[in-house]
Amino acid sequence: MTSVKQALVVRWGWDGHVPVAATDRYVTALKADGYAVTVSGTLDSYLDEELLAATDLVVQCWTMGEITGPQAEGLSQAVGAGTGLAGWHGGIVDAFRAETRYQMMTDGQFVHHAREFTTFEVRPVPEKADHPVLAGGIKPFTVTTEQYYLHVDPAIEVLAVTGYGPDPDHPELLGTPVPVTWTRHWDAGRVFVTTLGHSLADLEVPEVDTMIRKGMHPEGHGMGDPLTERPIALRIGLVGAGQISGAYLRTLPALTHLSVTAVADLDAARAPAVAATVPGARATTVKAVRGRRRRPRPQPDRPRRPRRGRPCRDRRGQARLRREAPGRDHG
């Protein structure tokens, strides 16, 4: 890294989240903090290895849109190598809905919001009061804006929460705890997310602005600095060697605390082919993974009931049976 801190601001996507005006606000803040800022309107910036290698912090504001596999991989590897990633609202957790590799890195994905703005209270987590993003005494505060309902990874470090508000389309969700602000490790890098920031007015709320500024700052929570404590090393096995599993394998270079030790598949030829691409992995069969089949439980001997004919409830049917077999009860 160079002596002057480098920030890359990547912005575009849906213009309802005012990506240019919103990021301009924080470009000014980053420059005031001593950053040299590069602003980009293309995701091809994530293909520029030299640019990413020199970048301390990526600020992304790109709602929806599509990202290619190589672009997502470039960002993932840069963050895994120590570059920080920060963003707010849809610009980071409603980006690239079809790209699960990106979602694994941000650890949260927007799935729904009410049709109208909601007034809700944001509550900093008391146990995290000393966290650099919250330091300075951020107290519970109320906003009226678009409230996100999310799918999140339980591994995130939640800094602020809320309860999901009234929603005519989903009354069953009322009061459900929903993370608002979090951080997470991505190998040697860190990711900062807040779901607030739908509009410029939201970004002007003092508590929201403070969390974003501190979340972007390298001294705020160690963004861009190597982890002092490494994650616990995990060895995993992969069952299935098709396209979906291949997508998971492409994320492994950024997760150096994970190692694949075995690959299994119903196709005896496909498992060795995939295992050969993963250092240290061996191929096995799905049958071997299943282990021994449970024997069926023996059933006690029971006397069989004599099979009886089904009674005929239809009057016409009864008359026909009487003609064919007179003298028997057909009722």
Protein backbone atom coordinates (compact mmCIF):
# COMPACT_ATOMS: atom_id res chain seq x y z
CA MET A 1 0.00 0.00 0.00
CA THR A 2 1.19 3.54 -0.71
CA SER A 3 1.68 6.11 2.06
CA VAL A 4 -1.34 8.10 0.85
CA LYS A 5 -4.51 6.11 1.49
CA GLN A 6 -6.38 5.19 -1.68
CA ALA A 7 -10.17 4.93 -1.97
CA LEU A 8 -12.14 3.64 -4.93
CA VAL A 9 -15.78 4.78 -5.18
CA VAL A 10 -17.82 2.57 -7.54
CA ARG A 11 -21.26 4.00 -8.27
CA TRP A 12 -24.17 3.55 -10.67
CA GLY A 13 -27.24 1.32 -10.82
CA TRP A 14 -30.79 2.42 -10.01
CA ASP A 15 -30.93 6.21 -9.86
CA GLY A 16 -33.68 6.19 -7.21
CA HIS A 17 -30.92 5.84 -4.62
CA VAL A 18 -29.13 8.92 -6.02
CA PRO A 19 -25.74 7.16 -6.32
CA VAL A 20 -23.88 10.21 -7.59
CA ALA A 21 -25.15 12.74 -5.05
CA ALA A 22 -24.91 10.24 -2.18
CA THR A 23 -21.34 9.21 -2.90
CA ASP A 24 -20.26 12.81 -3.61
CA ARG A 25 -21.11 13.50 0.02
CA TYR A 26 -18.61 10.90 1.20
CA VAL A 27 -15.99 11.57 -1.46
CA THR A 28 -15.66 14.96 0.22
CA ALA A 29 -15.40 13.31 3.63
CA LEU A 30 -12.74 10.84 2.44
CA LYS A 31 -10.63 13.57 0.91
CA ALA A 32 -10.85 15.50 4.16
CA ASP A 33 -9.51 12.37 5.92
CA GLY A 34 -6.49 12.32 3.61
CA TYR A 35 -7.61 9.82 0.98
CA ALA A 36 -6.81 10.05 -2.70
CA VAL A 37 -10.17 9.15 -4.25
CA THR A 38 -10.82 7.48 -7.60
CA VAL A 39 -14.45 7.56 -8.78
CA SER A 40 -15.63 4.89 -11.22
CA GLY A 41 -18.89 4.32 -13.05
CA THR A 42 -18.03 0.81 -14.25
CA LEU A 43 -17.79 -2.57 -12.57
CA ASP A 44 -14.80 -3.29 -14.78
CA SER A 45 -12.81 -1.52 -12.05
CA TYR A 46 -13.06 -4.85 -10.22
CA LEU A 47 -11.06 -6.43 -13.06
CA ASP A 48 -8.16 -3.99 -12.63
CA GLU A 49 -5.76 -5.96 -10.41
CA GLU A 50 -3.23 -3.15 -10.23
CA LEU A 51 -5.87 -0.62 -9.18
CA LEU A 52 -7.35 -2.93 -6.53
CA ALA A 53 -3.94 -3.89 -5.16
CA ALA A 54 -3.25 -0.20 -4.47
CA THR A 55 -6.71 0.45 -2.95
CA ASP A 56 -7.26 0.63 0.80
CA LEU A 57 -11.02 1.08 0.67
CA VAL A 58 -13.82 0.41 -1.83
CA VAL A 59 -17.05 2.36 -1.32
CA GLN A 60 -19.82 0.91 -3.45
CA CYS A 61 -23.22 2.42 -4.28
CA TRP A 62 -24.69 0.26 -7.06
CA THR A 63 -28.31 -0.78 -6.56
CA MET A 64 -29.46 -3.85 -8.50
CA GLY A 65 -27.67 -4.30 -11.81
CA GLU A 66 -25.65 -7.32 -12.90
CA ILE A 67 -22.06 -8.24 -12.17
CA THR A 68 -20.05 -10.81 -14.09
CA GLY A 69 -18.31 -13.72 -12.43
CA PRO A 70 -14.81 -12.29 -13.02
CA GLN A 71 -15.87 -8.87 -11.69
CA ALA A 72 -17.30 -10.41 -8.50
CA GLU A 73 -14.21 -12.56 -8.12
CA GLY A 74 -11.92 -9.55 -8.52
CA LEU A 75 -13.71 -7.65 -5.74
CA SER A 76 -13.82 -10.72 -3.51
CA GLN A 77 -10.10 -11.37 -3.85
CA ALA A 78 -9.22 -7.73 -3.25
CA VAL A 79 -11.25 -7.60 -0.03
CA GLY A 80 -9.86 -10.96 1.04
CA ALA A 81 -6.35 -9.58 0.57
CA GLY A 82 -7.02 -6.65 2.90
CA THR A 83 -8.97 -3.97 1.02
CA GLY A 84 -11.94 -2.63 2.97
CA LEU A 85 -15.46 -2.58 1.54
CA ALA A 86 -18.17 -0.20 2.77
CA GLY A 87 -21.62 0.81 1.63
CA TRP A 88 -25.17 1.65 2.62
CA HIS A 89 -28.72 0.62 1.82
CA GLY A 90 -29.41 -0.84 -1.64
CA GLY A 91 -26.03 0.24 -2.94
CA ILE A 92 -24.44 -2.69 -1.11
CA VAL A 93 -27.18 -5.16 0.00
CA ASP A 94 -29.51 -4.86 -2.99
CA ALA A 95 -26.75 -5.12 -5.57
CA PHE A 96 -26.35 -7.98 -8.05
CA ARG A 97 -29.24 -10.10 -6.80
CA ALA A 98 -28.27 -13.10 -8.90
CA GLU A 99 -24.64 -13.25 -7.73
CA THR A 100 -24.38 -15.39 -4.59
CA ARG A 101 -20.61 -15.03 -4.40
CA TYR A 102 -21.07 -11.32 -3.83
CA GLN A 103 -23.76 -11.96 -1.21
CA MET A 104 -21.45 -14.31 0.69
CA MET A 105 -19.02 -11.43 1.10
CA THR A 106 -21.55 -8.80 2.25
CA ASP A 107 -23.39 -11.43 4.34
CA GLY A 108 -26.77 -9.79 3.85
CA GLN A 109 -29.32 -9.45 1.07
CA PHE A 110 -32.43 -7.29 0.77
CA VAL A 111 -35.59 -9.30 0.13
CA HIS A 112 -38.52 -6.97 0.92
CA HIS A 113 -39.71 -3.59 2.15
CA ALA A 114 -43.16 -2.20 2.87
CA ARG A 115 -44.92 -0.22 0.15
CA GLU A 116 -44.79 2.96 2.25
CA PHE A 117 -42.05 4.48 4.39
CA THR A 118 -41.95 3.18 7.95
CA THR A 119 -41.11 5.00 11.17
CA PHE A 120 -38.88 2.77 13.26
CA GLU A 121 -36.34 2.96 16.05
CA VAL A 122 -32.71 1.98 15.45
CA ARG A 123 -31.12 0.56 18.61
CA PRO A 124 -27.34 0.21 18.97
CA VAL A 125 -26.47 -3.16 20.52
CA PRO A 126 -25.52 -2.40 24.17
CA GLU A 127 -22.73 -5.00 24.21
CA LYS A 128 -21.13 -3.22 21.22
CA ALA A 129 -21.15 0.26 22.73
CA ASP A 130 -17.32 0.35 22.69
CA HIS A 131 -17.08 -0.65 19.03
CA PRO A 132 -15.34 2.12 17.04
CA VAL A 133 -18.37 2.56 14.74
CA LEU A 134 -20.58 3.30 17.77
CA ALA A 135 -18.00 4.98 20.00
CA GLY A 136 -18.95 8.47 21.03
CA GLY A 137 -22.29 7.53 22.50
CA ILE A 138 -24.72 6.83 19.64
CA LYS A 139 -28.08 6.37 21.35
CA PRO A 140 -31.30 4.83 19.99
CA PHE A 141 -32.80 7.07 17.31
CA THR A 142 -35.88 7.13 15.10
CA VAL A 143 -36.05 7.42 11.32
CA THR A 144 -38.88 7.46 8.79
CA THR A 145 -37.70 5.81 5.61
CA GLU A 146 -37.61 2.59 3.62
CA GLN A 147 -37.10 -0.28 6.04
CA TYR A 148 -35.32 -3.33 4.70
CA TYR A 149 -36.24 -6.90 5.56
CA LEU A 150 -33.15 -9.04 4.96
CA HIS A 151 -31.68 -12.48 4.75
CA VAL A 152 -28.43 -12.37 6.71
CA ASP A 153 -25.55 -14.62 7.67
CA PRO A 154 -25.45 -15.38 11.42
CA ALA A 155 -21.68 -14.78 11.33
CA ILE A 156 -22.03 -11.00 11.04
CA GLU A 157 -21.12 -8.71 13.94
CA VAL A 158 -24.36 -6.79 14.47
CA LEU A 159 -23.92 -3.25 15.76
CA ALA A 160 -27.47 -1.89 15.53
CA VAL A 161 -30.88 -3.51 15.20
CA THR A 162 -34.54 -2.66 14.79
CA GLY A 163 -37.91 -4.39 14.86
CA TYR A 164 -39.67 -4.80 11.54
CA GLY A 165 -42.56 -2.36 11.39
CA PRO A 166 -46.18 -2.54 10.21
CA ASP A 167 -46.52 -3.98 6.72
CA PRO A 168 -49.97 -4.76 5.25
CA ASP A 169 -48.43 -7.31 2.90
CA HIS A 170 -46.65 -9.22 5.70
CA PRO A 171 -48.33 -8.62 9.08
CA GLU A 172 -46.70 -11.81 10.39
CA LEU A 173 -43.28 -10.08 10.32
CA LEU A 174 -44.26 -7.33 12.77
CA GLY A 175 -41.60 -6.95 15.46
CA THR A 176 -39.12 -9.38 13.89
CA PRO A 177 -35.57 -8.33 14.90
CA VAL A 178 -33.70 -7.08 11.82
CA PRO A 179 -30.01 -6.03 11.70
CA VAL A 180 -29.44 -2.43 10.59
CA THR A 181 -25.67 -2.02 10.80
CA TRP A 182 -22.97 -4.69 10.86
CA THR A 183 -19.38 -5.54 10.07
CA ARG A 184 -17.75 -8.79 9.11
CA HIS A 185 -14.39 -10.32 8.31
CA TRP A 186 -13.66 -11.47 4.77
CA ASP A 187 -10.32 -13.17 5.30
CA ALA A 188 -7.82 -10.28 5.74
CA GLY A 189 -10.37 -7.59 4.87
CA ARG A 190 -13.39 -6.14 6.59
CA VAL A 191 -16.85 -5.23 5.30
CA PHE A 192 -19.08 -2.48 6.71
CA VAL A 193 -22.82 -2.33 5.94
CA THR A 194 -25.71 -0.20 7.07
CA THR A 195 -29.17 -0.65 5.56
CA LEU A 196 -30.06 3.00 6.15
CA GLY A 197 -29.50 5.62 3.44
CA HIS A 198 -32.40 5.42 1.00
CA SER A 199 -32.21 9.16 0.36
CA LEU A 200 -29.95 12.13 0.97
CA ALA A 201 -32.22 13.08 3.86
CA ASP A 202 -31.42 9.73 5.51
CA LEU A 203 -27.69 10.34 5.13
CA GLU A 204 -28.08 13.71 6.84
CA VAL A 205 -29.43 12.08 10.01
CA PRO A 206 -26.49 12.63 12.43
CA GLU A 207 -26.38 9.06 13.73
CA VAL A 208 -26.53 7.58 10.22
CA ASP A 209 -23.84 9.90 8.92
CA THR A 210 -21.59 9.14 11.90
CA MET A 211 -21.87 5.37 11.47
CA ILE A 212 -21.04 5.59 7.76
CA ARG A 213 -18.06 7.90 8.28
CA LYS A 214 -16.63 5.71 11.03
CA GLY A 215 -17.42 2.54 9.07
CA MET A 216 -15.38 3.79 6.13
CA HIS A 217 -12.47 4.96 8.25
CA PRO A 218 -9.58 2.46 8.57
CA GLU A 219 -9.10 3.34 12.24
CA GLY A 220 -12.85 2.97 12.70
CA HIS A 221 -12.89 -0.80 12.68
CA GLY A 222 -9.69 -1.97 11.08
CA MET A 223 -10.80 -1.88 7.46
CA GLY A 224 -7.88 -2.70 5.24
CA ASP A 225 -5.73 -3.94 8.12
CA PRO A 226 -4.78 -7.63 8.42
CA LEU A 227 -6.59 -9.51 11.15
CA THR A 228 -4.62 -9.88 14.36
CA GLU A 229 -6.48 -13.09 15.15
CA ARG A 230 -6.93 -15.59 12.38
CA PRO A 231 -10.23 -17.49 12.00
CA ILE A 232 -10.34 -21.11 13.09
CA ALA A 233 -9.19 -23.38 10.27
CA LEU A 234 -12.01 -25.56 8.95
CA ARG A 235 -11.81 -28.64 6.77
CA ILE A 236 -14.91 -29.33 4.72
CA GLY A 237 -16.20 -31.92 2.29
CA LEU A 238 -18.13 -31.11 -0.86
CA VAL A 239 -21.03 -33.38 -1.83
CA GLY A 240 -21.95 -32.74 -5.44
CA ALA A 241 -19.54 -31.61 -8.15
CA GLY A 242 -21.88 -29.76 -10.48
CA GLN A 243 -22.25 -26.10 -11.44
CA ILE A 244 -23.52 -24.89 -8.05
CA SER A 245 -20.65 -26.54 -6.21
CA GLY A 246 -18.29 -25.07 -8.77
CA ALA A 247 -19.51 -21.60 -7.82
CA TYR A 248 -18.67 -22.31 -4.18
CA LEU A 249 -15.22 -23.56 -5.13
CA ARG A 250 -14.46 -20.31 -6.92
CA THR A 251 -14.90 -18.40 -3.65
CA LEU A 252 -12.42 -20.55 -1.71
CA PRO A 253 -9.27 -18.61 -2.64
CA ALA A 254 -10.62 -15.70 -0.59
CA LEU A 255 -11.41 -17.95 2.39
CA THR A 256 -7.98 -19.12 3.40
CA HIS A 257 -9.25 -20.56 6.70
CA LEU A 258 -11.30 -23.15 4.75
CA SER A 259 -9.89 -26.19 3.00
CA VAL A 260 -11.73 -28.84 0.99
CA THR A 261 -10.55 -32.32 1.88
CA ALA A 262 -12.97 -34.46 -0.15
CA VAL A 263 -15.28 -34.21 -3.16
CA ALA A 264 -18.12 -36.69 -3.69
CA ASP A 265 -20.58 -37.06 -6.54
CA LEU A 266 -22.97 -39.64 -7.98
CA ASP A 267 -20.94 -39.44 -11.18
CA ALA A 268 -17.81 -41.47 -10.45
CA ALA A 269 -15.87 -39.63 -13.16
CA ARG A 270 -16.89 -36.11 -12.20
CA ALA A 271 -15.74 -36.26 -8.57
CA PRO A 272 -12.05 -37.01 -9.44
CA ALA A 273 -12.08 -34.32 -12.12
CA VAL A 274 -13.22 -31.66 -9.64
CA ALA A 275 -10.99 -32.96 -6.83
CA ALA A 276 -7.99 -32.61 -9.13
CA THR A 277 -8.60 -28.84 -9.27
CA VAL A 278 -8.54 -28.47 -5.46
CA PRO A 279 -5.13 -28.93 -3.80
CA GLY A 280 -5.22 -31.58 -1.11
CA ALA A 281 -8.72 -32.86 -1.93
CA ARG A 282 -9.50 -36.48 -2.63
CA ALA A 283 -12.37 -37.95 -4.62
CA THR A 284 -14.87 -40.29 -3.06
CA THR A 285 -18.31 -41.66 -3.83
CA VAL A 286 -21.68 -40.65 -2.50
CA LYS A 287 -22.18 -44.22 -1.31
CA ALA A 288 -19.10 -43.91 0.87
CA VAL A 289 -20.40 -40.67 2.33
CA ARG A 290 -23.73 -42.23 3.18
CA GLY A 291 -22.07 -45.01 5.13
CA ARG A 292 -23.90 -48.21 6.02
CA ARG A 293 -27.57 -48.35 5.26
CA ARG A 294 -29.88 -49.00 8.14
CA ARG A 295 -31.42 -52.45 8.02
CA PRO A 296 -35.20 -52.54 7.98
CA ARG A 297 -36.69 -53.14 11.40
CA PRO A 298 -38.10 -56.71 11.70
CA GLN A 299 -41.87 -56.76 11.93
CA PRO A 300 -43.59 -59.10 14.43
CA ASP A 301 -45.57 -61.97 12.99
CA ARG A 302 -49.21 -61.05 12.89
CA PRO A 303 -52.07 -63.21 11.73
CA ARG A 304 -53.40 -62.00 8.43
CA ARG A 305 -56.98 -60.90 8.30
CA PRO A 306 -59.08 -62.67 5.75
CA ARG A 307 -59.62 -60.45 2.73
CA ARG A 308 -63.19 -59.40 2.47
CA GLY A 309 -64.99 -58.09 -0.53
CA ARG A 310 -65.89 -54.45 -0.62
CA PRO A 311 -69.59 -53.96 0.21
CA CYS A 312 -71.62 -52.68 -2.64
CA ARG A 313 -73.48 -49.57 -1.59
CA ASP A 314 -75.12 -48.96 -4.93
CA ARG A 315 -78.68 -50.33 -5.18
CA ARG A 316 -78.36 -51.13 -8.87
CA GLY A 317 -75.09 -52.94 -8.12
CA GLN A 318 -76.74 -54.94 -5.37
CA ALA A 319 -79.53 -56.04 -7.71
CA ARG A 320 -76.96 -57.16 -10.29
CA LEU A 321 -75.02 -59.18 -7.71
CA ARG A 322 -78.20 -60.86 -6.47
CA ARG A 323 -78.96 -61.99 -10.00
CA GLU A 324 -75.44 -63.35 -10.43
CA ALA A 325 -75.22 -65.01 -6.99
CA PRO A 326 -78.63 -65.45 -5.46
CA GLY A 327 -78.90 -66.31 -1.76
CA ARG A 328 -75.87 -64.17 -0.61
CA ASP A 329 -75.93 -61.00 1.43
CA HIS A 330 -74.56 -58.14 -0.71
CA GLY A 331 -75.34 -55.25 1.62
